[in-house]
N, C-alpha and C. Protein backbone atom coordinates (compact mmCIF):
# COMPACT_ATOMS: atom_id res chain seq x y z
N MET A 1 146.70 57.45 131.30
CA MET A 1 147.93 58.23 131.24
C MET A 1 147.41 59.22 132.67
N SER A 2 148.81 59.57 133.05
CA SER A 2 148.68 60.30 134.30
C SER A 2 148.58 61.90 133.93
N THR A 3 147.84 62.51 134.49
CA THR A 3 148.14 63.93 134.34
C THR A 3 149.21 64.70 134.70
N ILE A 4 149.58 64.19 135.80
CA ILE A 4 150.82 65.08 136.60
C ILE A 4 151.89 64.85 135.57
N GLU A 5 152.10 63.53 134.74
CA GLU A 5 153.16 63.50 133.73
C GLU A 5 153.28 64.54 132.76
N GLU A 6 151.90 64.88 132.40
CA GLU A 6 151.58 65.92 131.27
C GLU A 6 151.99 67.19 131.67
N ARG A 7 151.60 67.37 133.22
CA ARG A 7 152.01 68.97 133.68
C ARG A 7 153.28 69.07 133.67
N VAL A 8 154.00 67.76 134.06
CA VAL A 8 155.36 68.01 134.54
C VAL A 8 156.09 68.40 133.10
N LYS A 9 155.49 67.33 131.89
CA LYS A 9 156.39 67.83 130.54
C LYS A 9 156.22 69.28 129.91
N LYS A 10 154.75 69.71 130.48
CA LYS A 10 154.97 71.25 130.12
C LYS A 10 155.53 72.08 130.83
N ILE A 11 155.76 72.24 131.86
CA ILE A 11 156.92 72.82 133.12
C ILE A 11 158.45 72.58 132.33
N VAL A 12 158.67 71.39 131.98
CA VAL A 12 159.95 71.30 131.34
C VAL A 12 160.09 72.06 129.93
N ALA A 13 159.01 71.81 129.30
CA ALA A 13 159.12 72.73 128.23
C ALA A 13 159.09 74.13 128.28
N GLU A 14 158.59 74.64 129.11
CA GLU A 14 158.64 76.22 129.55
C GLU A 14 159.82 76.41 130.21
N GLN A 15 160.50 75.63 130.92
CA GLN A 15 161.77 75.81 131.54
C GLN A 15 162.95 75.99 130.28
N LEU A 16 162.83 75.25 129.59
CA LEU A 16 163.93 74.75 128.26
C LEU A 16 163.44 76.08 127.57
N GLY A 17 162.51 76.53 127.41
CA GLY A 17 162.09 77.70 126.55
C GLY A 17 162.67 78.89 127.27
N VAL A 18 162.76 78.97 128.35
CA VAL A 18 162.78 80.33 129.43
C VAL A 18 164.34 80.25 129.12
N LYS A 19 165.18 78.73 129.22
CA LYS A 19 166.80 78.78 129.45
C LYS A 19 167.09 79.09 128.16
N GLU A 20 166.58 78.75 126.93
CA GLU A 20 167.36 79.31 125.60
C GLU A 20 167.36 80.76 125.49
């Protein structure tokens, strides 16, 4: 598994949370 992908997913989740 790629660690970058996990990091990106975490950033996306944070962005979605902030946008909501």
